N, C-alpha and C. Protein backbone atom coordinates (compact mmCIF):
# COMPACT_ATOMS: atom_id res chain seq x y z
N MET A 1 -49.35 41.98 -96.07
CA MET A 1 -48.45 41.15 -96.44
C MET A 1 -48.07 40.26 -95.15
N SER A 2 -47.76 38.87 -95.45
CA SER A 2 -47.62 38.19 -94.42
C SER A 2 -46.43 38.00 -93.58
N ARG A 3 -46.44 37.88 -92.15
CA ARG A 3 -45.30 38.00 -91.32
C ARG A 3 -44.17 36.86 -91.91
N PRO A 4 -42.93 37.17 -92.10
CA PRO A 4 -41.59 36.37 -92.23
C PRO A 4 -41.96 35.05 -91.51
N THR A 5 -41.33 33.95 -91.85
CA THR A 5 -41.08 32.83 -91.17
C THR A 5 -39.60 32.21 -91.42
N ILE A 6 -38.90 31.96 -90.37
CA ILE A 6 -38.13 31.43 -90.12
C ILE A 6 -37.87 30.02 -89.37
N THR A 7 -37.20 28.99 -90.00
CA THR A 7 -37.63 27.50 -89.56
C THR A 7 -36.24 27.30 -89.45
N ILE A 8 -36.11 26.91 -88.11
CA ILE A 8 -34.35 26.22 -87.93
C ILE A 8 -34.37 25.03 -87.32
N CYS A 9 -33.99 24.24 -88.18
CA CYS A 9 -34.01 22.73 -88.02
C CYS A 9 -33.42 22.22 -86.82
N MET A 10 -34.05 21.37 -85.86
CA MET A 10 -33.58 20.87 -84.38
C MET A 10 -33.40 19.45 -84.81
N GLY A 11 -33.21 18.87 -85.87
CA GLY A 11 -32.96 17.60 -85.62
C GLY A 11 -31.36 17.24 -85.37
N SER A 12 -31.15 16.13 -85.01
CA SER A 12 -29.68 15.91 -84.31
C SER A 12 -28.80 16.44 -85.35
N SER A 13 -28.55 16.36 -86.52
CA SER A 13 -27.37 16.55 -87.14
C SER A 13 -27.35 18.14 -87.33
N CYS A 14 -28.30 18.69 -87.30
CA CYS A 14 -28.46 20.29 -87.56
C CYS A 14 -28.28 20.59 -86.14
N PHE A 15 -28.70 20.46 -85.17
CA PHE A 15 -28.48 20.38 -83.92
C PHE A 15 -26.97 20.79 -83.61
N ALA A 16 -26.23 19.30 -83.81
CA ALA A 16 -25.14 19.36 -83.58
C ALA A 16 -23.75 20.35 -84.30
N ARG A 17 -24.58 20.46 -85.28
CA ARG A 17 -23.68 21.39 -86.34
C ARG A 17 -23.78 22.43 -85.95
N GLY A 18 -24.83 23.47 -85.00
CA GLY A 18 -24.83 24.53 -84.83
C GLY A 18 -26.20 25.46 -84.57
N ASN A 19 -27.49 24.49 -84.90
CA ASN A 19 -28.60 25.54 -85.08
C ASN A 19 -28.96 25.57 -83.66
N GLU A 20 -28.33 24.93 -82.58
CA GLU A 20 -28.58 25.48 -81.03
C GLU A 20 -28.39 27.02 -80.92
N LYS A 21 -26.96 27.31 -81.27
CA LYS A 21 -26.51 28.52 -81.48
C LYS A 21 -27.49 29.37 -81.96
N ASN A 22 -27.82 29.05 -83.21
CA ASN A 22 -28.68 29.86 -84.41
C ASN A 22 -29.95 30.22 -83.75
N VAL A 23 -30.64 29.32 -82.91
CA VAL A 23 -31.71 29.93 -82.36
C VAL A 23 -31.61 30.76 -81.54
N GLU A 24 -30.50 30.88 -80.23
CA GLU A 24 -30.10 31.82 -79.16
C GLU A 24 -29.74 32.96 -80.18
N LEU A 25 -28.99 32.75 -81.44
CA LEU A 25 -28.79 33.94 -81.80
C LEU A 25 -30.14 34.93 -82.57
N CYS A 26 -30.68 34.28 -82.94
CA CYS A 26 -32.26 34.57 -83.66
C CYS A 26 -33.28 35.56 -82.71
N GLU A 27 -33.28 34.43 -81.67
CA GLU A 27 -33.91 35.06 -80.23
C GLU A 27 -33.71 36.55 -79.77
N LYS A 28 -32.17 36.63 -80.07
CA LYS A 28 -31.60 37.70 -79.08
C LYS A 28 -31.76 39.01 -80.48
N PHE A 29 -31.46 38.67 -81.33
CA PHE A 29 -31.60 39.58 -82.30
C PHE A 29 -32.82 40.15 -82.33
N LEU A 30 -33.95 39.33 -82.57
CA LEU A 30 -35.31 39.53 -82.63
C LEU A 30 -36.07 40.58 -81.12
N ALA A 31 -35.08 40.06 -80.16
CA ALA A 31 -35.63 41.12 -79.02
C ALA A 31 -34.99 42.24 -78.86
N ALA A 32 -33.85 42.62 -79.29
CA ALA A 32 -32.63 43.50 -79.55
C ALA A 32 -33.66 44.48 -80.43
N ARG A 33 -34.36 44.38 -81.61
CA ARG A 33 -34.96 45.12 -82.57
C ARG A 33 -36.63 44.82 -82.10
N GLY A 34 -37.18 44.66 -81.06
CA GLY A 34 -38.23 44.49 -80.95
C GLY A 34 -39.25 43.78 -81.79
N LEU A 35 -39.01 42.61 -82.19
CA LEU A 35 -39.33 41.92 -83.67
C LEU A 35 -40.30 40.65 -82.76
N ARG A 36 -40.18 40.27 -81.67
CA ARG A 36 -41.05 39.09 -81.25
C ARG A 36 -42.15 38.62 -81.81
N ASP A 37 -42.92 39.79 -82.10
CA ASP A 37 -44.28 39.58 -82.45
C ASP A 37 -44.74 39.63 -84.02
N GLU A 38 -43.25 39.91 -84.70
CA GLU A 38 -43.49 40.57 -86.28
C GLU A 38 -43.06 39.11 -86.84
N VAL A 39 -42.53 38.09 -86.44
CA VAL A 39 -41.75 36.67 -87.44
C VAL A 39 -42.34 35.69 -86.53
N ASP A 40 -42.81 34.87 -87.32
CA ASP A 40 -42.82 33.49 -87.07
C ASP A 40 -41.67 32.35 -87.12
N VAL A 41 -41.22 32.08 -85.69
CA VAL A 41 -39.80 31.28 -85.69
C VAL A 41 -40.28 30.06 -85.13
N VAL A 42 -39.83 28.89 -86.09
CA VAL A 42 -40.59 27.63 -85.85
C VAL A 42 -39.20 26.42 -85.64
N LEU A 43 -39.33 26.13 -84.66
CA LEU A 43 -38.53 24.81 -84.23
C LEU A 43 -38.77 23.27 -84.82
N GLY A 44 -38.44 22.80 -85.83
CA GLY A 44 -39.09 21.74 -86.45
C GLY A 44 -37.99 20.23 -85.76
N ALA A 45 -38.54 19.65 -84.80
CA ALA A 45 -37.46 18.64 -84.54
C ALA A 45 -37.42 17.56 -85.43
N SER A 46 -38.23 17.09 -86.40
CA SER A 46 -38.37 16.45 -87.17
C SER A 46 -38.42 17.14 -88.73
N LEU A 47 -37.91 18.06 -88.70
CA LEU A 47 -37.66 18.59 -90.16
C LEU A 47 -36.67 17.92 -90.86
N CYS A 48 -36.75 17.55 -92.38
CA CYS A 48 -35.97 17.23 -92.79
C CYS A 48 -35.87 17.60 -94.27
N THR A 49 -35.11 18.22 -94.87
CA THR A 49 -35.14 18.63 -96.33
C THR A 49 -34.23 17.72 -97.13
N GLY A 50 -33.56 16.44 -96.62
CA GLY A 50 -32.92 15.93 -97.65
C GLY A 50 -31.50 16.52 -97.95
N ASN A 51 -31.11 17.56 -97.04
CA ASN A 51 -29.79 18.17 -96.87
C ASN A 51 -29.10 17.94 -95.84
N CYS A 52 -29.37 17.10 -94.98
CA CYS A 52 -28.73 16.96 -93.45
C CYS A 52 -27.02 17.19 -93.67
N ALA A 53 -26.50 16.58 -94.64
CA ALA A 53 -25.07 16.69 -95.05
C ALA A 53 -24.61 18.56 -94.89
N ALA A 54 -25.30 18.89 -95.51
CA ALA A 54 -25.06 20.22 -95.92
C ALA A 54 -25.56 21.42 -94.65
N GLY A 55 -25.80 20.61 -93.49
CA GLY A 55 -26.48 21.44 -92.19
C GLY A 55 -25.32 22.40 -91.43
N PRO A 56 -25.84 23.38 -90.76
CA PRO A 56 -27.27 23.45 -90.42
C PRO A 56 -28.18 24.08 -91.51
N ILE A 57 -29.56 23.33 -91.28
CA ILE A 57 -30.24 23.78 -92.37
C ILE A 57 -31.28 25.18 -91.65
N VAL A 58 -31.31 26.09 -92.51
CA VAL A 58 -32.48 27.22 -91.87
C VAL A 58 -33.21 27.52 -93.26
N ILE A 59 -34.52 27.57 -92.77
CA ILE A 59 -35.56 28.20 -93.69
C ILE A 59 -36.17 29.29 -93.76
N VAL A 60 -35.88 30.43 -94.55
CA VAL A 60 -36.41 31.74 -94.46
C VAL A 60 -37.40 31.95 -95.44
N ASN A 61 -38.96 32.07 -95.27
CA ASN A 61 -39.72 32.23 -96.21
C ASN A 61 -39.42 31.27 -97.38
N ASP A 62 -39.88 29.90 -97.06
CA ASP A 62 -39.82 28.82 -97.81
C ASP A 62 -38.09 28.67 -98.86
N LYS A 63 -37.45 29.19 -98.45
CA LYS A 63 -36.08 29.31 -99.20
C LYS A 63 -34.93 28.77 -98.21
N VAL A 64 -34.55 27.68 -98.65
CA VAL A 64 -33.59 26.84 -97.87
C VAL A 64 -32.13 27.47 -97.99
N HIS A 65 -31.40 27.49 -96.78
CA HIS A 65 -30.19 27.95 -96.50
C HIS A 65 -29.48 26.49 -95.87
N THR A 66 -28.22 26.38 -96.40
CA THR A 66 -27.27 25.67 -96.10
C THR A 66 -26.38 26.06 -95.09
N GLN A 67 -25.66 24.96 -94.31
CA GLN A 67 -24.40 25.32 -93.84
C GLN A 67 -24.38 26.83 -93.12
N VAL A 68 -25.63 27.05 -92.33
CA VAL A 68 -25.95 28.29 -91.86
C VAL A 68 -25.23 28.22 -90.39
N ASP A 69 -24.08 29.10 -90.50
CA ASP A 69 -23.06 29.69 -89.10
C ASP A 69 -23.89 30.95 -88.52
N ALA A 70 -23.01 31.12 -87.36
CA ALA A 70 -23.78 32.50 -87.06
C ALA A 70 -23.45 33.79 -87.62
N GLY A 71 -22.34 33.75 -88.55
CA GLY A 71 -22.53 34.71 -89.45
C GLY A 71 -23.45 34.60 -90.50
N VAL A 72 -23.66 33.59 -91.16
CA VAL A 72 -24.61 33.50 -92.06
C VAL A 72 -26.13 34.01 -91.48
N MET A 73 -26.54 33.31 -90.18
CA MET A 73 -27.82 33.52 -89.75
C MET A 73 -27.64 35.16 -89.59
N THR A 74 -26.81 35.86 -88.77
CA THR A 74 -26.76 37.01 -88.67
C THR A 74 -27.12 38.09 -90.10
N ASP A 75 -26.63 37.51 -91.12
CA ASP A 75 -27.06 38.53 -92.43
C ASP A 75 -28.09 38.00 -92.85
N LEU A 76 -28.61 36.81 -92.47
CA LEU A 76 -29.92 36.44 -93.10
C LEU A 76 -30.79 37.39 -92.38
N LEU A 77 -30.75 37.59 -90.91
CA LEU A 77 -31.53 38.16 -90.30
C LEU A 77 -31.71 39.83 -90.40
N GLU A 78 -30.43 40.22 -90.97
CA GLU A 78 -29.84 41.51 -91.26
C GLU A 78 -30.95 41.87 -92.48
N GLU A 79 -30.81 40.98 -93.53
CA GLU A 79 -31.25 41.10 -94.67
C GLU A 79 -32.93 41.28 -94.71
N LEU A 80 -33.85 40.52 -93.75
CA LEU A 80 -34.80 40.42 -93.36
C LEU A 80 -35.24 41.36 -92.58
N PHE A 81 -34.38 41.68 -91.79
CA PHE A 81 -34.85 43.25 -91.19
C PHE A 81 -33.76 44.23 -90.80
N PRO A 82 -33.63 45.03 -92.03
CA PRO A 82 -32.33 45.94 -91.80
C PRO A 82 -32.51 46.89 -90.69
N ALA A 83 -31.47 47.29 -90.36
CA ALA A 83 -31.60 48.33 -89.28
C ALA A 83 -32.38 49.61 -89.79
N SER A 84 -33.03 50.54 -88.81
CA SER A 84 -33.47 51.67 -89.13
C SER A 84 -32.21 52.71 -89.23
N ARG A 85 -32.44 53.64 -90.28
CA ARG A 85 -31.49 54.63 -90.66
C ARG A 85 -31.80 55.96 -90.09
């Protein structure tokens, strides 16, 4: 199985709408779970999906997610990496 890929758009629109905070949240989540080496996080400065008005845009394993705030980002990470029980 390939490593999960999370692409967080850092274009000016997505950055201004909150992806700066989503990057920080993602980095802290992965570090807290010891997953830094298990996932590829890509920060694309020129990424454009044509959905800038629906940003911030985050792509998880090729699936585009729109209007990703901190709560949605946490939900995406929890779904991708559920806590061990």
